[in-house]
Amino acid sequence: AIFTLKPALESAAITASLHSHQECFIRGDYAQINQVLINLIANSIKFSATGSEVKIVISQDRETARIQISDNGIGISDLDIPHIFERFYRGANTDGTHHQGTGLGLAIVEQVVKHHHGEITVNSEVGKGSTFTITLPLFSERNLDE
């Protein structure tokens, strides 16, 4: 996903860093999961200032893989957070600029994550940035029939 967005990262002078201490294997559709990551990273780029960083951290526990995508962008207001995964919802622009979009990206992200038996959450503070956390079940012989 990072390589797909390399031109956007370079034009915005934003760096992306990937931190992973081990390989995580999940059962899922590669194209759909890749699109989830592209959507979230693209949003981080869109709502971050020139020269900032997007940080991707991959980890796991006994049963789940965790992907965190963090930025130090404009953030999301407490009033908008409960609605950001709704179709066509476009929150207030906390930085006073107009950002293009249909309001479908995060709705699609949530749908794909749920389809893969996962969960997505967000922590955000206006003016400080956002962290989206995706948890997905790890691949195991037990979940082959699901």
N, C-alpha and C. Protein backbone atom coordinates (compact mmCIF):
# COMPACT_ATOMS: atom_id res chain seq x y z
N ALA A 1 0.82 -1.19 0.00
CA ALA A 1 0.00 0.00 0.00
C ALA A 1 0.87 1.26 0.00
N ILE A 2 1.97 1.22 0.75
CA ILE A 2 2.84 2.39 0.81
C ILE A 2 3.43 2.69 -0.56
N PHE A 3 3.81 1.64 -1.29
CA PHE A 3 4.42 1.85 -2.61
C PHE A 3 3.43 2.47 -3.58
N THR A 4 2.17 2.09 -3.49
CA THR A 4 1.13 2.66 -4.34
C THR A 4 0.99 4.16 -4.09
N LEU A 5 1.17 4.57 -2.85
CA LEU A 5 0.98 5.96 -2.47
C LEU A 5 2.27 6.76 -2.45
N LYS A 6 3.37 6.17 -2.91
CA LYS A 6 4.66 6.87 -2.88
C LYS A 6 4.62 8.23 -3.59
N PRO A 7 4.02 8.34 -4.79
CA PRO A 7 3.95 9.66 -5.42
C PRO A 7 3.19 10.69 -4.58
N ALA A 8 2.09 10.28 -3.95
CA ALA A 8 1.32 11.21 -3.11
C ALA A 8 2.13 11.61 -1.88
N LEU A 9 2.85 10.66 -1.30
CA LEU A 9 3.70 10.98 -0.15
C LEU A 9 4.78 11.97 -0.54
N GLU A 10 5.41 11.73 -1.68
CA GLU A 10 6.49 12.61 -2.12
C GLU A 10 5.99 14.01 -2.45
N SER A 11 4.84 14.09 -3.14
CA SER A 11 4.35 15.42 -3.50
C SER A 11 3.90 16.22 -2.28
N ALA A 12 3.48 15.55 -1.23
CA ALA A 12 3.07 16.23 0.00
C ALA A 12 4.24 16.36 0.98
N ALA A 13 5.40 15.83 0.59
CA ALA A 13 6.60 15.84 1.46
C ALA A 13 6.28 15.21 2.82
N ILE A 14 5.54 14.12 2.78
CA ILE A 14 5.19 13.38 3.99
C ILE A 14 5.95 12.07 3.97
N THR A 15 6.53 11.69 5.10
CA THR A 15 7.23 10.43 5.18
C THR A 15 6.30 9.37 5.77
N ALA A 16 6.50 8.16 5.34
CA ALA A 16 5.75 7.03 5.88
C ALA A 16 6.75 6.06 6.49
N SER A 17 6.44 5.58 7.67
CA SER A 17 7.32 4.59 8.30
C SER A 17 6.50 3.36 8.66
N LEU A 18 7.12 2.21 8.45
CA LEU A 18 6.47 0.93 8.74
C LEU A 18 7.25 0.25 9.85
N HIS A 19 6.55 -0.13 10.90
CA HIS A 19 7.16 -0.79 12.05
C HIS A 19 6.46 -2.12 12.26
N SER A 20 7.23 -3.20 12.14
CA SER A 20 6.68 -4.53 12.36
C SER A 20 7.79 -5.39 12.94
N HIS A 21 7.49 -6.08 14.01
CA HIS A 21 8.49 -6.92 14.66
C HIS A 21 8.37 -8.38 14.27
N GLN A 22 7.32 -8.72 13.57
CA GLN A 22 7.11 -10.10 13.16
C GLN A 22 6.11 -10.14 12.02
N GLU A 23 6.13 -11.24 11.28
CA GLU A 23 5.15 -11.41 10.21
C GLU A 23 3.81 -11.79 10.82
N CYS A 24 2.74 -11.26 10.26
CA CYS A 24 1.38 -11.60 10.68
C CYS A 24 0.66 -12.16 9.46
N PHE A 25 0.01 -13.29 9.64
CA PHE A 25 -0.74 -13.88 8.55
C PHE A 25 -2.22 -13.89 8.90
N ILE A 26 -3.02 -13.32 7.99
CA ILE A 26 -4.46 -13.32 8.17
C ILE A 26 -5.07 -14.05 6.97
N ARG A 27 -6.29 -14.49 7.14
CA ARG A 27 -7.02 -15.10 6.04
C ARG A 27 -7.94 -14.04 5.48
N GLY A 28 -7.76 -13.70 4.20
CA GLY A 28 -8.60 -12.66 3.64
C GLY A 28 -8.26 -12.39 2.19
N ASP A 29 -9.01 -11.51 1.61
CA ASP A 29 -8.83 -11.10 0.23
C ASP A 29 -7.75 -10.03 0.16
N TYR A 30 -6.63 -10.34 -0.49
CA TYR A 30 -5.50 -9.43 -0.55
C TYR A 30 -5.90 -8.07 -1.12
N ALA A 31 -6.64 -8.05 -2.22
CA ALA A 31 -7.01 -6.79 -2.87
C ALA A 31 -7.87 -5.93 -1.95
N GLN A 32 -8.80 -6.55 -1.24
CA GLN A 32 -9.67 -5.78 -0.35
C GLN A 32 -8.90 -5.21 0.85
N ILE A 33 -8.06 -6.03 1.46
CA ILE A 33 -7.27 -5.55 2.60
C ILE A 33 -6.30 -4.47 2.14
N ASN A 34 -5.69 -4.65 0.99
CA ASN A 34 -4.80 -3.63 0.44
C ASN A 34 -5.54 -2.32 0.21
N GLN A 35 -6.77 -2.39 -0.28
CA GLN A 35 -7.56 -1.18 -0.51
C GLN A 35 -7.90 -0.47 0.81
N VAL A 36 -8.16 -1.24 1.85
CA VAL A 36 -8.38 -0.67 3.18
C VAL A 36 -7.16 0.15 3.60
N LEU A 37 -5.99 -0.44 3.46
CA LEU A 37 -4.76 0.25 3.85
C LEU A 37 -4.52 1.48 2.99
N ILE A 38 -4.75 1.36 1.69
CA ILE A 38 -4.58 2.51 0.80
C ILE A 38 -5.53 3.64 1.19
N ASN A 39 -6.79 3.32 1.46
CA ASN A 39 -7.76 4.35 1.85
C ASN A 39 -7.33 5.07 3.13
N LEU A 40 -6.90 4.30 4.13
CA LEU A 40 -6.53 4.91 5.41
C LEU A 40 -5.25 5.74 5.29
N ILE A 41 -4.27 5.23 4.57
CA ILE A 41 -3.03 5.98 4.40
C ILE A 41 -3.28 7.23 3.56
N ALA A 42 -4.11 7.10 2.51
CA ALA A 42 -4.43 8.27 1.67
C ALA A 42 -5.13 9.35 2.49
N ASN A 43 -6.03 8.95 3.40
CA ASN A 43 -6.67 9.93 4.28
C ASN A 43 -5.65 10.60 5.18
N SER A 44 -4.71 9.83 5.70
CA SER A 44 -3.68 10.42 6.55
C SER A 44 -2.87 11.45 5.78
N ILE A 45 -2.56 11.15 4.52
CA ILE A 45 -1.82 12.09 3.68
C ILE A 45 -2.66 13.34 3.44
N LYS A 46 -3.93 13.13 3.08
CA LYS A 46 -4.81 14.25 2.74
C LYS A 46 -4.99 15.23 3.89
N PHE A 47 -5.05 14.71 5.11
CA PHE A 47 -5.36 15.56 6.26
C PHE A 47 -4.14 15.91 7.11
N SER A 48 -2.94 15.69 6.56
CA SER A 48 -1.71 16.03 7.29
C SER A 48 -0.97 17.17 6.61
N ALA A 49 -0.20 17.87 7.38
CA ALA A 49 0.58 19.00 6.86
C ALA A 49 1.83 18.52 6.15
N THR A 50 2.30 19.32 5.24
CA THR A 50 3.55 19.05 4.55
C THR A 50 4.65 18.82 5.58
N GLY A 51 5.46 17.81 5.33
CA GLY A 51 6.59 17.53 6.20
C GLY A 51 6.27 16.66 7.40
N SER A 52 5.04 16.21 7.52
CA SER A 52 4.69 15.37 8.67
C SER A 52 4.95 13.90 8.37
N GLU A 53 4.54 13.02 9.26
CA GLU A 53 4.80 11.59 9.12
C GLU A 53 3.53 10.78 9.30
N VAL A 54 3.40 9.73 8.50
CA VAL A 54 2.37 8.72 8.67
C VAL A 54 3.09 7.48 9.18
N LYS A 55 2.61 6.95 10.27
CA LYS A 55 3.28 5.81 10.91
C LYS A 55 2.36 4.60 10.87
N ILE A 56 2.90 3.48 10.37
CA ILE A 56 2.14 2.23 10.30
C ILE A 56 2.84 1.22 11.21
N VAL A 57 2.09 0.68 12.16
CA VAL A 57 2.64 -0.29 13.10
C VAL A 57 1.82 -1.57 12.99
N ILE A 58 2.51 -2.68 12.77
CA ILE A 58 1.86 -3.99 12.67
C ILE A 58 2.34 -4.84 13.84
N SER A 59 1.38 -5.43 14.56
CA SER A 59 1.72 -6.28 15.69
C SER A 59 0.68 -7.39 15.79
N GLN A 60 0.89 -8.29 16.72
CA GLN A 60 -0.09 -9.35 16.92
C GLN A 60 -0.05 -9.82 18.35
N ASP A 61 -1.17 -10.42 18.76
CA ASP A 61 -1.19 -11.15 20.01
C ASP A 61 -1.51 -12.59 19.66
N ARG A 62 -2.03 -13.34 20.56
CA ARG A 62 -2.25 -14.78 20.29
C ARG A 62 -3.27 -15.04 19.19
N GLU A 63 -4.26 -14.16 19.04
CA GLU A 63 -5.34 -14.46 18.11
C GLU A 63 -5.58 -13.40 17.04
N THR A 64 -5.01 -12.21 17.19
CA THR A 64 -5.32 -11.15 16.25
C THR A 64 -4.08 -10.42 15.76
N ALA A 65 -4.18 -9.95 14.54
CA ALA A 65 -3.20 -9.03 13.98
C ALA A 65 -3.74 -7.62 14.20
N ARG A 66 -2.85 -6.70 14.48
CA ARG A 66 -3.26 -5.31 14.71
C ARG A 66 -2.45 -4.42 13.78
N ILE A 67 -3.17 -3.57 13.04
CA ILE A 67 -2.54 -2.60 12.16
C ILE A 67 -2.98 -1.22 12.63
N GLN A 68 -2.02 -0.38 12.99
CA GLN A 68 -2.31 0.98 13.41
C GLN A 68 -1.71 1.95 12.41
N ILE A 69 -2.54 2.87 11.96
CA ILE A 69 -2.10 3.92 11.04
C ILE A 69 -2.32 5.25 11.75
N SER A 70 -1.21 5.93 12.02
CA SER A 70 -1.26 7.17 12.80
C SER A 70 -0.71 8.33 11.99
N ASP A 71 -1.29 9.49 12.23
CA ASP A 71 -0.77 10.72 11.61
C ASP A 71 -0.83 11.82 12.64
N ASN A 72 -0.20 12.93 12.33
CA ASN A 72 -0.30 14.11 13.19
C ASN A 72 -0.99 15.23 12.41
N GLY A 73 -2.09 14.83 11.76
CA GLY A 73 -2.86 15.75 10.92
C GLY A 73 -3.85 16.57 11.71
N ILE A 74 -4.93 16.97 11.02
CA ILE A 74 -5.89 17.90 11.60
C ILE A 74 -6.77 17.28 12.67
N GLY A 75 -6.88 15.96 12.70
CA GLY A 75 -7.70 15.28 13.69
C GLY A 75 -9.17 15.29 13.34
N ILE A 76 -9.93 14.61 14.16
CA ILE A 76 -11.38 14.46 13.96
C ILE A 76 -12.07 14.91 15.24
N SER A 77 -13.08 15.73 15.11
CA SER A 77 -13.77 16.23 16.31
C SER A 77 -14.57 15.12 16.99
N ASP A 78 -14.79 15.29 18.28
CA ASP A 78 -15.58 14.33 19.05
C ASP A 78 -16.99 14.19 18.49
N LEU A 79 -17.53 15.27 17.90
CA LEU A 79 -18.87 15.21 17.32
C LEU A 79 -18.90 14.38 16.05
N ASP A 80 -17.80 14.36 15.29
CA ASP A 80 -17.75 13.62 14.04
C ASP A 80 -17.40 12.15 14.20
N ILE A 81 -16.62 11.80 15.22
CA ILE A 81 -16.13 10.42 15.36
C ILE A 81 -17.24 9.38 15.30
N PRO A 82 -18.39 9.55 15.97
CA PRO A 82 -19.41 8.50 15.89
C PRO A 82 -20.00 8.29 14.49
N HIS A 83 -19.74 9.21 13.57
CA HIS A 83 -20.38 9.16 12.25
C HIS A 83 -19.43 8.88 11.09
N ILE A 84 -18.12 8.84 11.34
CA ILE A 84 -17.18 8.81 10.21
C ILE A 84 -17.27 7.55 9.36
N PHE A 85 -17.84 6.47 9.90
CA PHE A 85 -17.96 5.24 9.12
C PHE A 85 -19.32 5.14 8.41
N GLU A 86 -20.15 6.18 8.53
CA GLU A 86 -21.44 6.20 7.83
C GLU A 86 -21.23 6.61 6.37
N ARG A 87 -22.00 5.98 5.49
CA ARG A 87 -21.90 6.34 4.07
C ARG A 87 -22.29 7.79 3.85
N PHE A 88 -21.53 8.47 3.03
CA PHE A 88 -21.74 9.85 2.59
C PHE A 88 -21.52 10.89 3.69
N TYR A 89 -21.08 10.46 4.87
CA TYR A 89 -20.84 11.43 5.95
C TYR A 89 -19.52 12.14 5.68
N ARG A 90 -19.57 13.44 5.75
CA ARG A 90 -18.35 14.25 5.63
C ARG A 90 -18.35 15.21 6.79
N GLY A 91 -17.38 15.04 7.66
CA GLY A 91 -17.30 15.84 8.88
C GLY A 91 -16.92 17.27 8.59
N ALA A 92 -17.01 18.06 9.63
CA ALA A 92 -16.61 19.46 9.54
C ALA A 92 -15.10 19.52 9.31
N ASN A 93 -14.67 20.45 8.50
CA ASN A 93 -13.25 20.63 8.23
C ASN A 93 -12.65 21.44 9.37
N THR A 94 -11.94 20.75 10.24
CA THR A 94 -11.40 21.41 11.42
C THR A 94 -10.25 22.35 11.09
N ASP A 95 -9.69 22.21 9.88
CA ASP A 95 -8.58 23.10 9.51
C ASP A 95 -9.02 24.25 8.62
N GLY A 96 -10.33 24.35 8.35
CA GLY A 96 -10.85 25.45 7.56
C GLY A 96 -10.68 25.31 6.06
N THR A 97 -10.15 24.19 5.59
CA THR A 97 -9.99 23.98 4.15
C THR A 97 -11.04 23.00 3.65
N HIS A 98 -11.22 23.01 2.34
CA HIS A 98 -12.17 22.08 1.72
C HIS A 98 -11.41 20.89 1.16
N HIS A 99 -11.78 19.69 1.59
CA HIS A 99 -11.15 18.47 1.10
C HIS A 99 -12.16 17.71 0.25
N GLN A 100 -11.72 17.30 -0.93
CA GLN A 100 -12.62 16.57 -1.81
C GLN A 100 -12.83 15.15 -1.30
N GLY A 101 -13.95 14.59 -1.66
CA GLY A 101 -14.27 13.22 -1.29
C GLY A 101 -15.77 13.03 -1.29
N THR A 102 -16.17 11.76 -1.35
CA THR A 102 -17.59 11.45 -1.41
C THR A 102 -18.16 11.05 -0.06
N GLY A 103 -17.30 10.78 0.90
CA GLY A 103 -17.78 10.28 2.18
C GLY A 103 -18.04 8.79 2.15
N LEU A 104 -17.45 8.08 1.19
CA LEU A 104 -17.64 6.63 1.10
C LEU A 104 -16.43 5.84 1.57
N GLY A 105 -15.25 6.44 1.56
CA GLY A 105 -14.02 5.71 1.85
C GLY A 105 -14.03 4.97 3.16
N LEU A 106 -14.35 5.64 4.25
CA LEU A 106 -14.32 4.99 5.56
C LEU A 106 -15.48 4.00 5.72
N ALA A 107 -16.59 4.24 5.06
CA ALA A 107 -17.70 3.29 5.10
C ALA A 107 -17.28 1.98 4.43
N ILE A 108 -16.58 2.08 3.32
CA ILE A 108 -16.08 0.89 2.62
C ILE A 108 -15.03 0.19 3.47
N VAL A 109 -14.13 0.96 4.06
CA VAL A 109 -13.10 0.39 4.93
C VAL A 109 -13.75 -0.44 6.05
N GLU A 110 -14.72 0.14 6.73
CA GLU A 110 -15.37 -0.58 7.83
C GLU A 110 -16.06 -1.85 7.32
N GLN A 111 -16.74 -1.76 6.18
CA GLN A 111 -17.44 -2.92 5.64
C GLN A 111 -16.46 -4.06 5.32
N VAL A 112 -15.33 -3.74 4.71
CA VAL A 112 -14.34 -4.76 4.37
C VAL A 112 -13.75 -5.39 5.64
N VAL A 113 -13.43 -4.56 6.62
CA VAL A 113 -12.86 -5.06 7.87
C VAL A 113 -13.86 -6.00 8.55
N LYS A 114 -15.12 -5.60 8.63
CA LYS A 114 -16.14 -6.46 9.25
C LYS A 114 -16.33 -7.75 8.46
N HIS A 115 -16.28 -7.66 7.13
CA HIS A 115 -16.40 -8.86 6.29
C HIS A 115 -15.28 -9.86 6.59
N HIS A 116 -14.14 -9.36 7.02
CA HIS A 116 -13.01 -10.21 7.37
C HIS A 116 -12.99 -10.55 8.87
N HIS A 117 -14.13 -10.39 9.54
CA HIS A 117 -14.30 -10.72 10.96
C HIS A 117 -13.39 -9.87 11.85
N GLY A 118 -13.17 -8.63 11.42
CA GLY A 118 -12.31 -7.73 12.17
C GLY A 118 -13.06 -6.55 12.73
N GLU A 119 -12.30 -5.63 13.27
CA GLU A 119 -12.86 -4.42 13.88
C GLU A 119 -11.94 -3.25 13.57
N ILE A 120 -12.54 -2.08 13.41
CA ILE A 120 -11.76 -0.86 13.22
C ILE A 120 -12.22 0.18 14.23
N THR A 121 -11.25 0.85 14.84
CA THR A 121 -11.54 1.92 15.79
C THR A 121 -10.67 3.12 15.46
N VAL A 122 -11.03 4.26 16.03
CA VAL A 122 -10.23 5.47 15.81
C VAL A 122 -10.10 6.22 17.13
N ASN A 123 -8.92 6.75 17.34
CA ASN A 123 -8.66 7.71 18.42
C ASN A 123 -8.14 8.95 17.74
N SER A 124 -8.67 10.10 18.11
CA SER A 124 -8.28 11.31 17.43
C SER A 124 -8.43 12.51 18.34
N GLU A 125 -7.60 13.51 18.07
CA GLU A 125 -7.69 14.78 18.78
C GLU A 125 -7.49 15.89 17.75
N VAL A 126 -8.41 16.82 17.74
CA VAL A 126 -8.35 17.92 16.79
C VAL A 126 -7.01 18.65 16.96
N GLY A 127 -6.35 18.86 15.82
CA GLY A 127 -5.08 19.56 15.82
C GLY A 127 -3.87 18.72 16.17
N LYS A 128 -4.09 17.48 16.56
CA LYS A 128 -2.97 16.61 16.96
C LYS A 128 -2.86 15.36 16.10
N GLY A 129 -3.95 14.90 15.50
CA GLY A 129 -3.87 13.74 14.62
C GLY A 129 -4.82 12.63 15.00
N SER A 130 -4.70 11.55 14.24
CA SER A 130 -5.61 10.41 14.38
C SER A 130 -4.83 9.11 14.31
N THR A 131 -5.36 8.10 14.98
CA THR A 131 -4.84 6.74 14.88
C THR A 131 -6.01 5.81 14.61
N PHE A 132 -5.96 5.15 13.47
CA PHE A 132 -6.94 4.12 13.14
C PHE A 132 -6.32 2.77 13.47
N THR A 133 -7.06 1.94 14.18
CA THR A 133 -6.58 0.61 14.56
C THR A 133 -7.49 -0.44 13.99
N ILE A 134 -6.91 -1.34 13.21
CA ILE A 134 -7.64 -2.47 12.63
C ILE A 134 -7.16 -3.73 13.33
N THR A 135 -8.10 -4.54 13.81
CA THR A 135 -7.75 -5.86 14.34
C THR A 135 -8.43 -6.90 13.46
N LEU A 136 -7.66 -7.91 13.08
CA LEU A 136 -8.15 -8.99 12.23
C LEU A 136 -7.70 -10.31 12.82
N PRO A 137 -8.53 -11.36 12.69
CA PRO A 137 -8.11 -12.67 13.21
C PRO A 137 -6.88 -13.17 12.46
N LEU A 138 -5.95 -13.74 13.20
CA LEU A 138 -4.79 -14.37 12.58
C LEU A 138 -5.23 -15.63 11.84
N PHE A 139 -4.51 -15.95 10.81
CA PHE A 139 -4.75 -17.19 10.07
C PHE A 139 -4.43 -18.36 10.97
N SER A 140 -5.31 -19.35 10.97
CA SER A 140 -5.05 -20.61 11.69
C SER A 140 -5.82 -21.70 10.99
N GLU A 141 -5.43 -22.90 11.26
CA GLU A 141 -6.12 -24.06 10.68
C GLU A 141 -7.58 -24.10 11.15
N ARG A 142 -7.86 -23.57 12.36
CA ARG A 142 -9.22 -23.59 12.91
C ARG A 142 -10.19 -22.78 12.08
N ASN A 143 -9.73 -21.64 11.50
CA ASN A 143 -10.69 -20.76 10.81
C ASN A 143 -10.72 -20.98 9.31
N LEU A 144 -10.24 -22.12 8.84
CA LEU A 144 -10.28 -22.41 7.40
C LEU A 144 -11.71 -22.55 6.88
N ASP A 145 -12.62 -23.02 7.70
CA ASP A 145 -13.99 -23.27 7.25
C ASP A 145 -14.89 -22.05 7.35
N GLU A 146 -14.42 -20.95 7.91
CA GLU A 146 -15.28 -19.77 8.09
C GLU A 146 -15.50 -19.05 6.79
